[in-house]
């Protein structure tokens, strides 16, 4: 089935598109509400939608691009929002490819300003995207996080989530769940339990099924990308549908 992913500013989303996005979202998470969804979407700057051959939205991801000052110098941060794809389209990588092209556009606009991907993971599938795209990221199996990287990750997490973030564990825990994966999505398939990065995620975030999220950080720079991700990042022009 032909799928196409396009990126654009969230301000361009039409109401019927937002309605469809919430329909997909609410089918994948517990603890959902339209108010929370709309508030989260309003906070984001960019959106990528995945459409089928009939132009129906079957997946999406959102992100917020913002600027900070760190160690006396400017940095830019991409904070990832929810990423949802209808189960029947799980094999498609078009959404991920469009995401890499978009981040490449963002980096090329200001290549001299460090760009970081700040991601919180409530499931192992999301966490695995880091290893698929980047050579180095934090936290990851078999590596001790550099103190400067850890300090920046802690700063970004506390700045955004306050006391919900525990710097001792690197995990976000909320008094009121912010969206737990459905039982079906939270289950880890047996073959995945043989993957080191999945086992590492489960060790770092044992209460993920209850809504806890692992805070992660990755430098988005050509020197830190795997070959396929680098080609998409360098292309920096979303493929038109």
C-alpha atoms as a PDB file:
ATOM      1  CA  UNK A   1       0.000   0.000   0.000  1.00  0.00           C
ATOM      2  CA  UNK A   2       1.346   3.419  -0.988  1.00  0.00           C
ATOM      3  CA  UNK A   3       2.109   5.678   1.975  1.00  0.00           C
ATOM      4  CA  UNK A   4       3.405   9.239   2.003  1.00  0.00           C
ATOM      5  CA  UNK A   5       4.753  11.327   4.892  1.00  0.00           C
ATOM      6  CA  UNK A   6       4.855  15.120   4.776  1.00  0.00           C
ATOM      7  CA  UNK A   7       6.119  17.672   7.301  1.00  0.00           C
ATOM      8  CA  UNK A   8       4.786  21.161   7.989  1.00  0.00           C
ATOM      9  CA  UNK A   9       4.170  23.684  10.752  1.00  0.00           C
ATOM     10  CA  UNK A  10       1.496  22.637  13.256  1.00  0.00           C
ATOM     11  CA  UNK A  11      -0.309  25.920  12.602  1.00  0.00           C
ATOM     12  CA  UNK A  12      -1.281  24.555   9.175  1.00  0.00           C
ATOM     13  CA  UNK A  13      -3.205  21.577  10.571  1.00  0.00           C
ATOM     14  CA  UNK A  14      -6.896  21.589   9.719  1.00  0.00           C
ATOM     15  CA  UNK A  15      -9.520  20.662  12.302  1.00  0.00           C
ATOM     16  CA  UNK A  16     -10.503  17.427  10.560  1.00  0.00           C
ATOM     17  CA  UNK A  17      -6.829  16.405  10.527  1.00  0.00           C
ATOM     18  CA  UNK A  18      -6.509  17.067  14.260  1.00  0.00           C
ATOM     19  CA  UNK A  19      -9.686  15.044  14.865  1.00  0.00           C
ATOM     20  CA  UNK A  20      -8.208  12.103  12.949  1.00  0.00           C
ATOM     21  CA  UNK A  21      -4.894  12.390  14.796  1.00  0.00           C
ATOM     22  CA  UNK A  22      -6.700  12.220  18.134  1.00  0.00           C
ATOM     23  CA  UNK A  23      -8.633   9.175  16.949  1.00  0.00           C
ATOM     24  CA  UNK A  24      -5.356   7.367  16.258  1.00  0.00           C
ATOM     25  CA  UNK A  25      -3.799   8.610  19.492  1.00  0.00           C
ATOM     26  CA  UNK A  26      -6.683   7.551  21.736  1.00  0.00           C
ATOM     27  CA  UNK A  27      -6.622   4.045  20.265  1.00  0.00           C
ATOM     28  CA  UNK A  28      -3.008   3.592  21.407  1.00  0.00           C
ATOM     29  CA  UNK A  29      -3.024   5.121  24.892  1.00  0.00           C
ATOM     30  CA  UNK A  30      -4.907   4.921  28.153  1.00  0.00           C
ATOM     31  CA  UNK A  31      -5.444   8.094  30.223  1.00  0.00           C
ATOM     32  CA  UNK A  32      -6.252  10.138  27.140  1.00  0.00           C
ATOM     33  CA  UNK A  33      -8.423  13.222  26.872  1.00  0.00           C
ATOM     34  CA  UNK A  34      -9.056  15.590  24.009  1.00  0.00           C
ATOM     35  CA  UNK A  35      -8.133  18.562  26.177  1.00  0.00           C
ATOM     36  CA  UNK A  36      -4.715  17.116  27.027  1.00  0.00           C
ATOM     37  CA  UNK A  37      -4.124  16.148  23.411  1.00  0.00           C
ATOM     38  CA  UNK A  38      -5.014  19.622  22.133  1.00  0.00           C
ATOM     39  CA  UNK A  39      -2.847  21.316  24.766  1.00  0.00           C
ATOM     40  CA  UNK A  40       0.118  19.126  23.859  1.00  0.00           C
ATOM     41  CA  UNK A  41      -0.347  19.768  20.152  1.00  0.00           C
ATOM     42  CA  UNK A  42      -0.577  23.516  20.741  1.00  0.00           C
ATOM     43  CA  UNK A  43       2.854  23.360  22.401  1.00  0.00           C
ATOM     44  CA  UNK A  44       4.464  21.765  19.319  1.00  0.00           C
ATOM     45  CA  UNK A  45       5.913  23.632  16.344  1.00  0.00           C
ATOM     46  CA  UNK A  46       6.144  20.929  13.649  1.00  0.00           C
ATOM     47  CA  UNK A  47       4.126  17.918  12.581  1.00  0.00           C
ATOM     48  CA  UNK A  48       4.707  15.017  10.202  1.00  0.00           C
ATOM     49  CA  UNK A  49       1.666  13.094   8.999  1.00  0.00           C
ATOM     50  CA  UNK A  50       1.582   9.725   7.276  1.00  0.00           C
ATOM     51  CA  UNK A  51      -1.216   9.229   4.740  1.00  0.00           C
ATOM     52  CA  UNK A  52      -2.390   6.230   2.766  1.00  0.00           C
ATOM     53  CA  UNK A  53      -3.313   6.171  -0.908  1.00  0.00           C
ATOM     54  CA  UNK A  54      -6.745   7.600  -0.058  1.00  0.00           C
ATOM     55  CA  UNK A  55      -5.164  10.575   1.770  1.00  0.00           C
ATOM     56  CA  UNK A  56      -6.362   9.226   5.139  1.00  0.00           C
ATOM     57  CA  UNK A  57      -3.992   9.973   8.027  1.00  0.00           C
ATOM     58  CA  UNK A  58      -2.676   6.666   9.362  1.00  0.00           C
ATOM     59  CA  UNK A  59       0.163   8.005  11.520  1.00  0.00           C
ATOM     60  CA  UNK A  60       1.834  11.140  12.792  1.00  0.00           C
ATOM     61  CA  UNK A  61       4.574  12.558  14.958  1.00  0.00           C
ATOM     62  CA  UNK A  62       5.016  16.021  16.455  1.00  0.00           C
ATOM     63  CA  UNK A  63       7.967  17.999  17.721  1.00  0.00           C
ATOM     64  CA  UNK A  64       8.819  21.280  19.356  1.00  0.00           C
ATOM     65  CA  UNK A  65      11.850  23.240  18.176  1.00  0.00           C
ATOM     66  CA  UNK A  66      13.150  25.717  20.719  1.00  0.00           C
ATOM     67  CA  UNK A  67      16.310  27.556  21.718  1.00  0.00           C
ATOM     68  CA  UNK A  68      18.228  27.508  24.994  1.00  0.00           C
ATOM     69  CA  UNK A  69      21.494  28.833  26.353  1.00  0.00           C
ATOM     70  CA  UNK A  70      23.879  26.183  27.679  1.00  0.00           C
ATOM     71  CA  UNK A  71      27.377  26.793  29.047  1.00  0.00           C
ATOM     72  CA  UNK A  72      27.050  30.378  27.868  1.00  0.00           C
ATOM     73  CA  UNK A  73      26.333  29.440  24.253  1.00  0.00           C
ATOM     74  CA  UNK A  74      23.137  29.039  22.205  1.00  0.00           C
ATOM     75  CA  UNK A  75      21.810  25.584  21.423  1.00  0.00           C
ATOM     76  CA  UNK A  76      18.672  24.382  19.684  1.00  0.00           C
ATOM     77  CA  UNK A  77      16.523  21.521  20.928  1.00  0.00           C
ATOM     78  CA  UNK A  78      14.046  19.270  19.162  1.00  0.00           C
ATOM     79  CA  UNK A  79      11.660  17.810  21.724  1.00  0.00           C
ATOM     80  CA  UNK A  80       9.701  14.888  20.307  1.00  0.00           C
ATOM     81  CA  UNK A  81       6.011  14.538  21.005  1.00  0.00           C
ATOM     82  CA  UNK A  82       3.869  11.464  20.460  1.00  0.00           C
ATOM     83  CA  UNK A  83       4.541   9.185  17.509  1.00  0.00           C
ATOM     84  CA  UNK A  84       1.635   6.982  16.446  1.00  0.00           C
ATOM     85  CA  UNK A  85       1.211   4.675  13.451  1.00  0.00           C
ATOM     86  CA  UNK A  86      -1.785   2.439  12.797  1.00  0.00           C
ATOM     87  CA  UNK A  87      -0.748  -1.135  13.486  1.00  0.00           C
ATOM     88  CA  UNK A  88      -1.467  -2.282   9.925  1.00  0.00           C
ATOM     89  CA  UNK A  89       1.244   0.133   8.759  1.00  0.00           C
ATOM     90  CA  UNK A  90       3.920  -0.664  11.342  1.00  0.00           C
ATOM     91  CA  UNK A  91       6.316  -1.910   8.681  1.00  0.00           C
ATOM     92  CA  UNK A  92       6.496   1.493   6.986  1.00  0.00           C
ATOM     93  CA  UNK A  93       9.536   3.676   7.618  1.00  0.00           C
ATOM     94  CA  UNK A  94       8.210   6.694   5.711  1.00  0.00           C
ATOM     95  CA  UNK A  95       7.447   8.626   8.900  1.00  0.00           C
ATOM     96  CA  UNK A  96      10.972   8.068  10.221  1.00  0.00           C
ATOM     97  CA  UNK A  97      12.488   9.027   6.877  1.00  0.00           C
ATOM     98  CA  UNK A  98      10.495  12.273   6.776  1.00  0.00           C
ATOM     99  CA  UNK A  99      11.570  13.006  10.356  1.00  0.00           C
ATOM    100  CA  UNK A 100      15.237  12.711   9.416  1.00  0.00           C
ATOM    101  CA  UNK A 101      14.746  15.003   6.415  1.00  0.00           C
ATOM    102  CA  UNK A 102      12.984  17.581   8.580  1.00  0.00           C
ATOM    103  CA  UNK A 103      15.725  17.535  11.201  1.00  0.00           C
ATOM    104  CA  UNK A 104      18.247  17.922   8.388  1.00  0.00           C
ATOM    105  CA  UNK A 105      16.419  21.049   7.221  1.00  0.00           C
ATOM    106  CA  UNK A 106      16.441  22.409  10.742  1.00  0.00           C
ATOM    107  CA  UNK A 107      20.172  21.711  11.181  1.00  0.00           C
ATOM    108  CA  UNK A 108      21.128  23.228   7.819  1.00  0.00           C
ATOM    109  CA  UNK A 109      19.342  26.463   8.702  1.00  0.00           C
ATOM    110  CA  UNK A 110      21.874  27.065  11.513  1.00  0.00           C
ATOM    111  CA  UNK A 111      24.672  24.470  11.249  1.00  0.00           C
ATOM    112  CA  UNK A 112      26.967  26.354  13.632  1.00  0.00           C
ATOM    113  CA  UNK A 113      24.482  26.095  16.511  1.00  0.00           C
ATOM    114  CA  UNK A 114      24.432  22.651  18.201  1.00  0.00           C
ATOM    115  CA  UNK A 115      21.159  20.796  17.659  1.00  0.00           C
ATOM    116  CA  UNK A 116      19.961  18.177  20.143  1.00  0.00           C
ATOM    117  CA  UNK A 117      17.163  15.624  20.066  1.00  0.00           C
ATOM    118  CA  UNK A 118      15.444  15.475  23.466  1.00  0.00           C
ATOM    119  CA  UNK A 119      13.248  12.400  23.600  1.00  0.00           C
ATOM    120  CA  UNK A 120      11.228  10.764  26.359  1.00  0.00           C
ATOM    121  CA  UNK A 121      10.434   7.071  25.869  1.00  0.00           C
ATOM    122  CA  UNK A 122       7.538   5.181  27.390  1.00  0.00           C
ATOM    123  CA  UNK A 123       8.090   2.161  25.156  1.00  0.00           C
ATOM    124  CA  UNK A 124      10.967   0.122  23.763  1.00  0.00           C
ATOM    125  CA  UNK A 125       9.952   0.725  20.146  1.00  0.00           C
ATOM    126  CA  UNK A 126      10.510   4.466  20.518  1.00  0.00           C
ATOM    127  CA  UNK A 127      13.817   3.949  22.301  1.00  0.00           C
ATOM    128  CA  UNK A 128      15.111   1.743  19.479  1.00  0.00           C
ATOM    129  CA  UNK A 129      14.848   4.642  17.015  1.00  0.00           C
ATOM    130  CA  UNK A 130      17.830   6.264  18.724  1.00  0.00           C
ATOM    131  CA  UNK A 131      20.109   3.349  17.942  1.00  0.00           C
ATOM    132  CA  UNK A 132      18.745   3.041  14.418  1.00  0.00           C
ATOM    133  CA  UNK A 133      19.592   6.654  13.614  1.00  0.00           C
ATOM    134  CA  UNK A 134      22.540   7.699  15.769  1.00  0.00           C
ATOM    135  CA  UNK A 135      25.980   6.382  16.637  1.00  0.00           C
ATOM    136  CA  UNK A 136      26.000   7.918  20.102  1.00  0.00           C
ATOM    137  CA  UNK A 137      23.123   8.854  22.390  1.00  0.00           C
ATOM    138  CA  UNK A 138      22.321   8.826  26.084  1.00  0.00           C
ATOM    139  CA  UNK A 139      21.619   6.658  27.889  1.00  0.00           C
ATOM    140  CA  UNK A 140      22.647   3.542  25.971  1.00  0.00           C
ATOM    141  CA  UNK A 141      23.830   0.032  26.723  1.00  0.00           C
ATOM    142  CA  UNK A 142      27.561  -0.498  27.139  1.00  0.00           C
ATOM    143  CA  UNK A 143      28.405   3.189  27.496  1.00  0.00           C
ATOM    144  CA  UNK A 144      28.840   5.556  30.412  1.00  0.00           C
ATOM    145  CA  UNK A 145      27.180   8.874  29.647  1.00  0.00           C
ATOM    146  CA  UNK A 146      29.621  11.759  29.410  1.00  0.00           C
ATOM    147  CA  UNK A 147      29.148  14.103  32.429  1.00  0.00           C
ATOM    148  CA  UNK A 148      28.525  17.140  30.219  1.00  0.00           C
ATOM    149  CA  UNK A 149      25.900  15.285  28.204  1.00  0.00           C
ATOM    150  CA  UNK A 150      24.247  14.032  31.386  1.00  0.00           C
ATOM    151  CA  UNK A 151      24.211  17.538  32.827  1.00  0.00           C
ATOM    152  CA  UNK A 152      22.488  18.897  29.720  1.00  0.00           C
ATOM    153  CA  UNK A 153      19.970  16.045  29.690  1.00  0.00           C
ATOM    154  CA  UNK A 154      19.165  16.628  33.362  1.00  0.00           C
ATOM    155  CA  UNK A 155      18.815  20.363  32.738  1.00  0.00           C
ATOM    156  CA  UNK A 156      16.423  19.925  29.829  1.00  0.00           C
ATOM    157  CA  UNK A 157      14.316  17.354  31.688  1.00  0.00           C
ATOM    158  CA  UNK A 158      14.052  19.433  34.862  1.00  0.00           C
ATOM    159  CA  UNK A 159      13.394  22.598  32.874  1.00  0.00           C
ATOM    160  CA  UNK A 160      10.453  20.963  31.135  1.00  0.00           C
ATOM    161  CA  UNK A 161       9.109  18.529  33.730  1.00  0.00           C
ATOM    162  CA  UNK A 162      10.324  19.777  37.113  1.00  0.00           C
ATOM    163  CA  UNK A 163      10.032  17.359  40.027  1.00  0.00           C
ATOM    164  CA  UNK A 164       8.539  14.641  37.827  1.00  0.00           C
ATOM    165  CA  UNK A 165      12.105  13.940  36.650  1.00  0.00           C
ATOM    166  CA  UNK A 166      14.499  11.985  38.860  1.00  0.00           C
ATOM    167  CA  UNK A 167      18.129  12.676  37.858  1.00  0.00           C
ATOM    168  CA  UNK A 168      19.239   9.608  39.813  1.00  0.00           C
ATOM    169  CA  UNK A 169      17.320   7.280  37.493  1.00  0.00           C
ATOM    170  CA  UNK A 170      16.825   9.437  34.414  1.00  0.00           C
ATOM    171  CA  UNK A 171      13.128   8.573  34.510  1.00  0.00           C
ATOM    172  CA  UNK A 172       9.996  10.717  34.544  1.00  0.00           C
ATOM    173  CA  UNK A 173       7.217   9.609  36.890  1.00  0.00           C
ATOM    174  CA  UNK A 174       3.926  11.469  37.055  1.00  0.00           C
ATOM    175  CA  UNK A 175       1.424  11.497  39.921  1.00  0.00           C
ATOM    176  CA  UNK A 176      -1.287  11.366  37.280  1.00  0.00           C
ATOM    177  CA  UNK A 177      -0.322   9.214  34.261  1.00  0.00           C
ATOM    178  CA  UNK A 178       0.227  11.289  31.123  1.00  0.00           C
ATOM    179  CA  UNK A 179      -0.727   8.480  28.773  1.00  0.00           C
ATOM    180  CA  UNK A 180       0.024   4.793  29.294  1.00  0.00           C
ATOM    181  CA  UNK A 181       0.437   2.505  26.344  1.00  0.00           C
ATOM    182  CA  UNK A 182      -2.434   0.101  25.812  1.00  0.00           C
ATOM    183  CA  UNK A 183      -1.791  -3.397  27.132  1.00  0.00           C
ATOM    184  CA  UNK A 184      -1.218  -4.679  23.608  1.00  0.00           C
ATOM    185  CA  UNK A 185       1.384  -2.011  22.791  1.00  0.00           C
ATOM    186  CA  UNK A 186       3.117  -2.282  26.168  1.00  0.00           C
ATOM    187  CA  UNK A 187       3.749  -5.998  25.698  1.00  0.00           C
ATOM    188  CA  UNK A 188       7.284  -6.801  24.547  1.00  0.00           C
ATOM    189  CA  UNK A 189       7.309  -9.533  21.864  1.00  0.00           C
ATOM    190  CA  UNK A 190       9.529 -12.492  22.733  1.00  0.00           C
ATOM    191  CA  UNK A 191      11.964 -11.903  19.820  1.00  0.00           C
ATOM    192  CA  UNK A 192      12.566  -8.348  21.055  1.00  0.00           C
ATOM    193  CA  UNK A 193      13.672  -9.682  24.446  1.00  0.00           C
ATOM    194  CA  UNK A 194      16.826 -10.949  22.741  1.00  0.00           C
ATOM    195  CA  UNK A 195      17.842  -7.415  21.718  1.00  0.00           C
ATOM    196  CA  UNK A 196      20.374  -5.679  23.973  1.00  0.00           C
ATOM    197  CA  UNK A 197      18.846  -2.230  23.568  1.00  0.00           C
ATOM    198  CA  UNK A 198      15.404  -3.535  24.517  1.00  0.00           C
ATOM    199  CA  UNK A 199      16.759  -5.278  27.608  1.00  0.00           C
ATOM    200  CA  UNK A 200      18.613  -2.096  28.516  1.00  0.00           C
ATOM    201  CA  UNK A 201      15.467   0.004  28.154  1.00  0.00           C
ATOM    202  CA  UNK A 202      13.505  -2.387  30.369  1.00  0.00           C
ATOM    203  CA  UNK A 203      16.270  -2.236  32.974  1.00  0.00           C
ATOM    204  CA  UNK A 204      16.377   1.567  32.939  1.00  0.00           C
ATOM    205  CA  UNK A 205      12.606   2.054  32.870  1.00  0.00           C
ATOM    206  CA  UNK A 206      11.002  -0.967  34.572  1.00  0.00           C
ATOM    207  CA  UNK A 207       7.695   0.852  35.176  1.00  0.00           C
ATOM    208  CA  UNK A 208       7.199   1.940  31.561  1.00  0.00           C
ATOM    209  CA  UNK A 209       3.831   0.164  31.392  1.00  0.00           C
ATOM    210  CA  UNK A 210       2.631   2.399  34.237  1.00  0.00           C
ATOM    211  CA  UNK A 211       3.502   5.506  32.237  1.00  0.00           C
ATOM    212  CA  UNK A 212       7.082   6.210  33.361  1.00  0.00           C
ATOM    213  CA  UNK A 213       9.281   7.683  30.628  1.00  0.00           C
ATOM    214  CA  UNK A 214      13.033   7.444  30.086  1.00  0.00           C
ATOM    215  CA  UNK A 215      14.662  10.779  29.214  1.00  0.00           C
ATOM    216  CA  UNK A 216      17.148  10.557  26.332  1.00  0.00           C
ATOM    217  CA  UNK A 217      19.423  12.938  24.462  1.00  0.00           C
ATOM    218  CA  UNK A 218      21.152  12.752  21.099  1.00  0.00           C
ATOM    219  CA  UNK A 219      23.305  15.194  19.153  1.00  0.00           C
ATOM    220  CA  UNK A 220      21.867  15.756  15.676  1.00  0.00           C
ATOM    221  CA  UNK A 221      24.985  16.327  13.609  1.00  0.00           C
ATOM    222  CA  UNK A 222      26.248  14.596  10.449  1.00  0.00           C
ATOM    223  CA  UNK A 223      29.170  13.122  12.387  1.00  0.00           C
ATOM    224  CA  UNK A 224      26.790  11.291  14.729  1.00  0.00           C
ATOM    225  CA  UNK A 225      24.428   9.683  12.229  1.00  0.00           C
ATOM    226  CA  UNK A 226      24.322   6.202  10.760  1.00  0.00           C
ATOM    227  CA  UNK A 227      24.670   5.975   6.948  1.00  0.00           C
ATOM    228  CA  UNK A 228      20.975   5.819   5.999  1.00  0.00           C
ATOM    229  CA  UNK A 229      20.014   8.516   8.501  1.00  0.00           C
ATOM    230  CA  UNK A 230      22.867  10.677   7.237  1.00  0.00           C
ATOM    231  CA  UNK A 231      21.701  10.416   3.625  1.00  0.00           C
ATOM    232  CA  UNK A 232      18.200  11.521   4.602  1.00  0.00           C
ATOM    233  CA  UNK A 233      19.529  14.241   6.909  1.00  0.00           C
ATOM    234  CA  UNK A 234      21.788  15.611   4.166  1.00  0.00           C
ATOM    235  CA  UNK A 235      18.987  15.501   1.571  1.00  0.00           C
ATOM    236  CA  UNK A 236      17.054  18.059   3.638  1.00  0.00           C
ATOM    237  CA  UNK A 237      14.172  18.301   1.174  1.00  0.00           C
ATOM    238  CA  UNK A 238      11.033  16.315   2.025  1.00  0.00           C
ATOM    239  CA  UNK A 239       9.921  14.166  -0.862  1.00  0.00           C
ATOM    240  CA  UNK A 240       6.626  15.579  -2.237  1.00  0.00           C
ATOM    241  CA  UNK A 241       3.656  13.221  -2.338  1.00  0.00           C
END
